[in-house]
Amino acid sequence: MDKPVHLIKLCVGAEAVEDLLAWQNHPRAKGPDGQPRHVTRMWPKREAEIVGQGSLYWVFKGLVLCRQPIVRFDEVIGHDGIRRCGIVLDPTITRVTPAPKRPFQGWRYLQAADAPLDLREGREADDPLPDTLARELADIGLL
């Protein structure tokens, strides 16, 4: 099996992973099936390489901090009649080794080889490093 393709996206308006968790528990962040979803304008052309094996990596204030498996893509028609893509996510959030990422718009593809590694078991409960320290350690390859 080929390596999966992932998506990466800025988590706008969130300071930390806990903010994302809180938002995804809100009914407005869920689809009709109760699964969390993120609605975006563009539909990934590489859908078959992503669904069921890829994840959405979330960037918080310049650092990739977590990922969520992508379950499927749903068509969402907005109040304006425009077709959009609902990225349906597994509610499980996996923290990853913090990795710096510059701002960008929308989502981007992320190859498996470029994806940050999941945090080692037991480290998920560690107190997070301050953003500036985590960014500096990631910049020099120590995270």
N, C-alpha and C. Protein backbone atom coordinates (compact mmCIF):
# COMPACT_ATOMS: atom_id res chain seq x y z
N MET A 1 0.84 -1.19 0.00
CA MET A 1 0.00 0.00 0.00
C MET A 1 0.88 1.24 0.00
N ASP A 2 0.51 2.23 -0.82
CA ASP A 2 1.24 3.49 -0.87
C ASP A 2 1.03 4.26 0.42
N LYS A 3 1.97 5.17 0.69
CA LYS A 3 1.83 6.01 1.87
C LYS A 3 0.67 6.98 1.65
N PRO A 4 -0.06 7.28 2.72
CA PRO A 4 -1.21 8.17 2.57
C PRO A 4 -0.77 9.61 2.28
N VAL A 5 -1.70 10.36 1.75
CA VAL A 5 -1.52 11.79 1.59
C VAL A 5 -2.38 12.44 2.67
N HIS A 6 -1.85 13.46 3.28
CA HIS A 6 -2.55 14.17 4.35
C HIS A 6 -2.91 15.57 3.87
N LEU A 7 -3.70 16.26 4.69
CA LEU A 7 -3.97 17.67 4.50
C LEU A 7 -3.42 18.43 5.70
N ILE A 8 -3.06 19.68 5.50
CA ILE A 8 -2.60 20.53 6.59
C ILE A 8 -3.36 21.84 6.48
N LYS A 9 -3.76 22.39 7.64
CA LYS A 9 -4.60 23.58 7.67
C LYS A 9 -4.31 24.39 8.91
N LEU A 10 -4.40 25.72 8.79
CA LEU A 10 -4.28 26.59 9.96
C LEU A 10 -5.54 26.45 10.80
N CYS A 11 -5.37 26.41 12.11
CA CYS A 11 -6.51 26.35 13.02
C CYS A 11 -6.78 27.79 13.46
N VAL A 12 -7.47 28.52 12.60
CA VAL A 12 -7.70 29.96 12.80
C VAL A 12 -8.58 30.19 14.02
N GLY A 13 -8.17 31.14 14.85
CA GLY A 13 -8.94 31.51 16.02
C GLY A 13 -8.68 30.65 17.24
N ALA A 14 -7.83 29.65 17.12
CA ALA A 14 -7.52 28.77 18.25
C ALA A 14 -6.09 29.03 18.71
N GLU A 15 -5.93 29.08 20.00
CA GLU A 15 -4.61 29.27 20.59
C GLU A 15 -3.92 27.94 20.88
N ALA A 16 -4.73 26.91 21.16
CA ALA A 16 -4.18 25.63 21.60
C ALA A 16 -5.10 24.50 21.16
N VAL A 17 -4.60 23.28 21.28
CA VAL A 17 -5.37 22.09 20.90
C VAL A 17 -6.68 22.04 21.67
N GLU A 18 -6.67 22.46 22.92
CA GLU A 18 -7.88 22.44 23.74
C GLU A 18 -8.98 23.32 23.14
N ASP A 19 -8.59 24.42 22.48
CA ASP A 19 -9.58 25.28 21.82
C ASP A 19 -10.25 24.53 20.67
N LEU A 20 -9.47 23.76 19.91
CA LEU A 20 -10.03 22.96 18.82
C LEU A 20 -11.00 21.91 19.38
N LEU A 21 -10.60 21.25 20.46
CA LEU A 21 -11.48 20.26 21.09
C LEU A 21 -12.79 20.89 21.53
N ALA A 22 -12.70 22.06 22.15
CA ALA A 22 -13.91 22.75 22.62
C ALA A 22 -14.81 23.11 21.44
N TRP A 23 -14.23 23.62 20.36
CA TRP A 23 -15.03 23.98 19.18
C TRP A 23 -15.70 22.74 18.59
N GLN A 24 -14.97 21.65 18.47
CA GLN A 24 -15.53 20.46 17.84
C GLN A 24 -16.61 19.79 18.69
N ASN A 25 -16.70 20.16 19.96
CA ASN A 25 -17.79 19.66 20.79
C ASN A 25 -19.06 20.49 20.63
N HIS A 26 -18.95 21.63 19.96
CA HIS A 26 -20.10 22.51 19.72
C HIS A 26 -20.93 21.94 18.56
N PRO A 27 -22.25 21.96 18.66
CA PRO A 27 -23.09 21.40 17.59
C PRO A 27 -22.84 22.02 16.21
N ARG A 28 -22.45 23.28 16.14
CA ARG A 28 -22.19 23.93 14.84
C ARG A 28 -20.99 23.34 14.12
N ALA A 29 -20.12 22.66 14.86
CA ALA A 29 -18.91 22.08 14.25
C ALA A 29 -19.13 20.64 13.80
N LYS A 30 -20.34 20.14 13.98
CA LYS A 30 -20.63 18.74 13.64
C LYS A 30 -21.53 18.66 12.42
N GLY A 31 -21.35 17.57 11.68
CA GLY A 31 -22.22 17.31 10.56
C GLY A 31 -23.50 16.65 11.02
N PRO A 32 -24.38 16.30 10.08
CA PRO A 32 -25.65 15.65 10.44
C PRO A 32 -25.46 14.32 11.17
N ASP A 33 -24.31 13.65 10.97
CA ASP A 33 -24.06 12.37 11.63
C ASP A 33 -23.39 12.54 13.00
N GLY A 34 -23.17 13.79 13.44
CA GLY A 34 -22.56 14.04 14.74
C GLY A 34 -21.05 14.04 14.73
N GLN A 35 -20.44 13.72 13.60
CA GLN A 35 -18.97 13.73 13.48
C GLN A 35 -18.49 15.16 13.29
N PRO A 36 -17.33 15.50 13.86
CA PRO A 36 -16.79 16.84 13.61
C PRO A 36 -16.42 16.98 12.13
N ARG A 37 -16.62 18.17 11.61
CA ARG A 37 -16.24 18.41 10.23
C ARG A 37 -15.80 19.85 10.06
N HIS A 38 -14.96 20.04 9.09
CA HIS A 38 -14.50 21.37 8.73
C HIS A 38 -14.91 21.63 7.29
N VAL A 39 -15.66 22.70 7.07
CA VAL A 39 -16.15 23.00 5.73
C VAL A 39 -15.19 23.97 5.06
N THR A 40 -14.80 23.63 3.85
CA THR A 40 -13.85 24.42 3.09
C THR A 40 -14.36 24.59 1.67
N ARG A 41 -13.82 25.56 0.98
CA ARG A 41 -14.29 25.89 -0.36
C ARG A 41 -13.86 24.86 -1.40
N MET A 42 -12.63 24.40 -1.31
CA MET A 42 -12.06 23.55 -2.35
C MET A 42 -12.17 22.06 -1.99
N TRP A 43 -12.41 21.24 -2.99
CA TRP A 43 -12.50 19.78 -2.83
C TRP A 43 -11.16 19.17 -3.25
N PRO A 44 -10.54 18.32 -2.41
CA PRO A 44 -9.26 17.72 -2.79
C PRO A 44 -9.39 16.79 -4.00
N LYS A 45 -8.53 17.00 -4.99
CA LYS A 45 -8.53 16.13 -6.17
C LYS A 45 -7.94 14.75 -5.84
N ARG A 46 -7.17 14.68 -4.76
CA ARG A 46 -6.52 13.43 -4.37
C ARG A 46 -7.31 12.70 -3.28
N GLU A 47 -8.62 12.82 -3.33
CA GLU A 47 -9.51 12.25 -2.33
C GLU A 47 -9.22 10.78 -2.05
N ALA A 48 -9.02 9.98 -3.08
CA ALA A 48 -8.81 8.54 -2.91
C ALA A 48 -7.54 8.22 -2.12
N GLU A 49 -6.55 9.10 -2.17
CA GLU A 49 -5.30 8.89 -1.44
C GLU A 49 -5.39 9.35 0.01
N ILE A 50 -6.46 10.05 0.34
CA ILE A 50 -6.60 10.65 1.67
C ILE A 50 -7.60 9.89 2.54
N VAL A 51 -8.80 9.65 2.02
CA VAL A 51 -9.90 9.10 2.81
C VAL A 51 -9.54 7.75 3.41
N GLY A 52 -9.76 7.64 4.72
CA GLY A 52 -9.54 6.38 5.42
C GLY A 52 -8.10 6.09 5.78
N GLN A 53 -7.17 6.90 5.28
CA GLN A 53 -5.76 6.65 5.63
C GLN A 53 -4.99 7.94 5.94
N GLY A 54 -5.50 9.08 5.49
CA GLY A 54 -4.83 10.35 5.74
C GLY A 54 -5.42 11.07 6.93
N SER A 55 -4.73 12.11 7.36
CA SER A 55 -5.17 12.93 8.49
C SER A 55 -5.15 14.40 8.10
N LEU A 56 -5.87 15.19 8.88
CA LEU A 56 -5.79 16.64 8.78
C LEU A 56 -4.86 17.09 9.91
N TYR A 57 -3.75 17.70 9.53
CA TYR A 57 -2.79 18.24 10.50
C TYR A 57 -3.14 19.69 10.75
N TRP A 58 -3.24 20.06 12.03
CA TRP A 58 -3.66 21.39 12.42
C TRP A 58 -2.46 22.23 12.86
N VAL A 59 -2.41 23.48 12.36
CA VAL A 59 -1.34 24.43 12.70
C VAL A 59 -1.92 25.48 13.63
N PHE A 60 -1.27 25.65 14.78
CA PHE A 60 -1.67 26.64 15.78
C PHE A 60 -0.53 27.64 15.95
N LYS A 61 -0.81 28.89 15.64
CA LYS A 61 0.17 29.96 15.85
C LYS A 61 1.57 29.60 15.35
N GLY A 62 1.64 29.04 14.15
CA GLY A 62 2.92 28.74 13.52
C GLY A 62 3.52 27.39 13.86
N LEU A 63 2.80 26.55 14.61
CA LEU A 63 3.30 25.21 14.96
C LEU A 63 2.25 24.15 14.65
N VAL A 64 2.66 23.08 13.99
CA VAL A 64 1.78 21.92 13.81
C VAL A 64 1.78 21.19 15.15
N LEU A 65 0.59 21.02 15.74
CA LEU A 65 0.52 20.43 17.09
C LEU A 65 -0.29 19.14 17.18
N CYS A 66 -1.18 18.89 16.19
CA CYS A 66 -2.01 17.70 16.29
C CYS A 66 -2.54 17.31 14.91
N ARG A 67 -3.15 16.13 14.89
CA ARG A 67 -3.77 15.65 13.65
C ARG A 67 -5.05 14.90 14.00
N GLN A 68 -5.93 14.82 12.99
CA GLN A 68 -7.16 14.05 13.11
C GLN A 68 -7.34 13.22 11.85
N PRO A 69 -7.63 11.93 11.98
CA PRO A 69 -7.89 11.11 10.79
C PRO A 69 -9.09 11.65 10.00
N ILE A 70 -8.96 11.61 8.68
CA ILE A 70 -10.04 12.05 7.80
C ILE A 70 -10.88 10.83 7.44
N VAL A 71 -12.16 10.91 7.76
CA VAL A 71 -13.09 9.81 7.54
C VAL A 71 -13.62 9.82 6.10
N ARG A 72 -14.03 11.00 5.64
CA ARG A 72 -14.59 11.14 4.29
C ARG A 72 -14.74 12.62 3.98
N PHE A 73 -15.18 12.88 2.74
CA PHE A 73 -15.51 14.24 2.31
C PHE A 73 -16.99 14.24 1.95
N ASP A 74 -17.74 15.19 2.50
CA ASP A 74 -19.17 15.32 2.21
C ASP A 74 -19.42 16.60 1.43
N GLU A 75 -20.38 16.54 0.53
CA GLU A 75 -20.81 17.75 -0.16
C GLU A 75 -21.66 18.57 0.80
N VAL A 76 -21.36 19.86 0.89
CA VAL A 76 -22.12 20.77 1.73
C VAL A 76 -22.55 21.94 0.86
N ILE A 77 -23.83 22.16 0.75
CA ILE A 77 -24.36 23.29 -0.02
C ILE A 77 -24.69 24.40 0.99
N GLY A 78 -24.02 25.54 0.83
CA GLY A 78 -24.22 26.66 1.75
C GLY A 78 -25.54 27.38 1.51
N HIS A 79 -25.87 28.30 2.40
CA HIS A 79 -27.08 29.10 2.27
C HIS A 79 -27.07 29.91 0.97
N ASP A 80 -25.86 30.13 0.44
CA ASP A 80 -25.70 30.88 -0.80
C ASP A 80 -25.81 29.99 -2.04
N GLY A 81 -26.05 28.68 -1.83
CA GLY A 81 -26.19 27.75 -2.94
C GLY A 81 -24.88 27.23 -3.50
N ILE A 82 -23.76 27.62 -2.91
CA ILE A 82 -22.45 27.21 -3.40
C ILE A 82 -22.05 25.87 -2.78
N ARG A 83 -21.53 24.96 -3.63
CA ARG A 83 -21.06 23.64 -3.20
C ARG A 83 -19.72 23.80 -2.50
N ARG A 84 -19.62 23.19 -1.32
CA ARG A 84 -18.37 23.21 -0.56
C ARG A 84 -18.03 21.78 -0.13
N CYS A 85 -16.82 21.63 0.40
CA CYS A 85 -16.35 20.33 0.85
C CYS A 85 -16.36 20.27 2.38
N GLY A 86 -17.07 19.31 2.93
CA GLY A 86 -17.06 19.07 4.36
C GLY A 86 -16.05 17.97 4.66
N ILE A 87 -14.94 18.33 5.31
CA ILE A 87 -13.94 17.34 5.69
C ILE A 87 -14.42 16.72 6.99
N VAL A 88 -14.89 15.48 6.91
CA VAL A 88 -15.42 14.78 8.08
C VAL A 88 -14.25 14.13 8.80
N LEU A 89 -14.14 14.42 10.10
CA LEU A 89 -12.99 14.02 10.90
C LEU A 89 -13.37 13.01 11.97
N ASP A 90 -12.46 12.12 12.25
CA ASP A 90 -12.57 11.25 13.41
C ASP A 90 -12.42 12.17 14.63
N PRO A 91 -13.22 12.03 15.67
CA PRO A 91 -13.09 12.92 16.82
C PRO A 91 -11.79 12.73 17.61
N THR A 92 -11.05 11.66 17.33
CA THR A 92 -9.80 11.42 18.03
C THR A 92 -8.72 12.38 17.56
N ILE A 93 -8.16 13.12 18.49
CA ILE A 93 -7.07 14.04 18.16
C ILE A 93 -5.77 13.46 18.70
N THR A 94 -4.79 13.36 17.83
CA THR A 94 -3.47 12.83 18.20
C THR A 94 -2.48 13.99 18.18
N ARG A 95 -1.83 14.20 19.29
CA ARG A 95 -0.81 15.25 19.34
C ARG A 95 0.44 14.76 18.62
N VAL A 96 1.09 15.70 17.94
CA VAL A 96 2.30 15.37 17.18
C VAL A 96 3.47 16.20 17.71
N THR A 97 4.67 15.79 17.32
CA THR A 97 5.85 16.55 17.68
C THR A 97 5.72 17.94 17.06
N PRO A 98 5.78 19.00 17.86
CA PRO A 98 5.60 20.35 17.29
C PRO A 98 6.58 20.60 16.15
N ALA A 99 6.05 21.15 15.06
CA ALA A 99 6.86 21.45 13.88
C ALA A 99 6.46 22.83 13.37
N PRO A 100 7.43 23.68 13.07
CA PRO A 100 7.09 25.03 12.59
C PRO A 100 6.45 24.98 11.20
N LYS A 101 5.52 25.88 10.96
CA LYS A 101 4.87 25.99 9.65
C LYS A 101 4.46 27.45 9.45
N ARG A 102 4.89 28.00 8.34
CA ARG A 102 4.55 29.39 8.03
C ARG A 102 3.09 29.51 7.62
N PRO A 103 2.53 30.70 7.78
CA PRO A 103 1.12 30.89 7.41
C PRO A 103 0.87 30.65 5.92
N PHE A 104 -0.32 30.18 5.62
CA PHE A 104 -0.77 29.95 4.25
C PHE A 104 -2.29 30.01 4.27
N GLN A 105 -2.90 30.11 3.11
CA GLN A 105 -4.36 30.16 3.05
C GLN A 105 -4.92 28.80 2.65
N GLY A 106 -6.12 28.52 3.14
CA GLY A 106 -6.78 27.28 2.78
C GLY A 106 -6.08 26.07 3.38
N TRP A 107 -6.17 24.95 2.69
CA TRP A 107 -5.46 23.74 3.11
C TRP A 107 -4.43 23.42 2.04
N ARG A 108 -3.48 22.58 2.41
CA ARG A 108 -2.44 22.11 1.49
C ARG A 108 -2.31 20.61 1.65
N TYR A 109 -1.81 19.95 0.60
CA TYR A 109 -1.46 18.54 0.72
C TYR A 109 -0.19 18.43 1.56
N LEU A 110 -0.08 17.32 2.29
CA LEU A 110 1.10 17.05 3.11
C LEU A 110 1.48 15.59 2.86
N GLN A 111 2.65 15.37 2.32
CA GLN A 111 3.12 14.00 2.07
C GLN A 111 3.46 13.33 3.40
N ALA A 112 3.27 12.04 3.47
CA ALA A 112 3.53 11.28 4.70
C ALA A 112 4.96 11.49 5.19
N ALA A 113 5.91 11.55 4.27
CA ALA A 113 7.32 11.72 4.66
C ALA A 113 7.59 13.07 5.31
N ASP A 114 6.74 14.06 5.05
CA ASP A 114 6.92 15.40 5.60
C ASP A 114 6.08 15.65 6.84
N ALA A 115 5.24 14.71 7.21
CA ALA A 115 4.34 14.89 8.34
C ALA A 115 5.09 14.73 9.66
N PRO A 116 4.78 15.59 10.65
CA PRO A 116 5.39 15.43 11.98
C PRO A 116 5.00 14.09 12.59
N LEU A 117 5.88 13.54 13.38
CA LEU A 117 5.63 12.27 14.04
C LEU A 117 4.68 12.45 15.22
N ASP A 118 3.90 11.42 15.48
CA ASP A 118 3.04 11.43 16.67
C ASP A 118 3.93 11.49 17.91
N LEU A 119 3.43 12.16 18.95
CA LEU A 119 4.17 12.17 20.21
C LEU A 119 4.26 10.75 20.76
N ARG A 120 5.37 10.45 21.38
CA ARG A 120 5.54 9.12 21.97
C ARG A 120 4.49 8.90 23.05
N GLU A 121 4.08 7.67 23.21
CA GLU A 121 3.07 7.32 24.20
C GLU A 121 3.49 7.83 25.58
N GLY A 122 2.53 8.42 26.26
CA GLY A 122 2.80 8.96 27.59
C GLY A 122 3.14 10.44 27.58
N ARG A 123 3.57 10.98 26.43
CA ARG A 123 3.93 12.40 26.36
C ARG A 123 2.71 13.29 26.13
N GLU A 124 1.56 12.70 25.76
CA GLU A 124 0.39 13.50 25.47
C GLU A 124 -0.05 14.32 26.67
N ALA A 125 0.19 13.81 27.87
CA ALA A 125 -0.25 14.49 29.08
C ALA A 125 0.77 15.50 29.60
N ASP A 126 1.95 15.55 28.98
CA ASP A 126 2.96 16.52 29.40
C ASP A 126 2.41 17.94 29.26
N ASP A 127 2.85 18.82 30.15
CA ASP A 127 2.50 20.23 29.98
C ASP A 127 3.14 20.72 28.69
N PRO A 128 2.39 21.43 27.86
CA PRO A 128 2.99 21.91 26.62
C PRO A 128 4.05 22.96 26.88
N LEU A 129 5.07 22.96 26.03
CA LEU A 129 6.11 23.98 26.13
C LEU A 129 5.52 25.32 25.70
N PRO A 130 6.06 26.42 26.23
CA PRO A 130 5.63 27.71 25.72
C PRO A 130 5.88 27.77 24.21
N ASP A 131 4.99 28.46 23.49
CA ASP A 131 5.07 28.50 22.03
C ASP A 131 6.44 28.93 21.53
N THR A 132 7.00 29.97 22.10
CA THR A 132 8.29 30.47 21.61
C THR A 132 9.39 29.44 21.79
N LEU A 133 9.40 28.74 22.93
CA LEU A 133 10.42 27.72 23.17
C LEU A 133 10.22 26.53 22.23
N ALA A 134 8.97 26.08 22.08
CA ALA A 134 8.69 24.97 21.19
C ALA A 134 9.11 25.30 19.75
N ARG A 135 8.83 26.53 19.32
CA ARG A 135 9.19 26.95 17.96
C ARG A 135 10.71 26.96 17.79
N GLU A 136 11.44 27.49 18.77
CA GLU A 136 12.89 27.54 18.69
C GLU A 136 13.51 26.14 18.70
N LEU A 137 12.99 25.24 19.53
CA LEU A 137 13.50 23.87 19.56
C LEU A 137 13.19 23.15 18.26
N ALA A 138 12.00 23.38 17.71
CA ALA A 138 11.65 22.75 16.43
C ALA A 138 12.53 23.29 15.31
N ASP A 139 12.84 24.57 15.34
CA ASP A 139 13.68 25.19 14.31
C ASP A 139 15.06 24.54 14.24
N ILE A 140 15.57 24.13 15.40
CA ILE A 140 16.91 23.52 15.41
C ILE A 140 16.85 21.99 15.43
N GLY A 141 15.66 21.44 15.30
CA GLY A 141 15.51 20.01 15.16
C GLY A 141 15.54 19.21 16.44
N LEU A 142 15.25 19.84 17.58
CA LEU A 142 15.29 19.13 18.86
C LEU A 142 13.94 18.65 19.34
N LEU A 143 12.89 18.93 18.62
CA LEU A 143 11.57 18.42 19.02
C LEU A 143 11.14 17.32 18.09
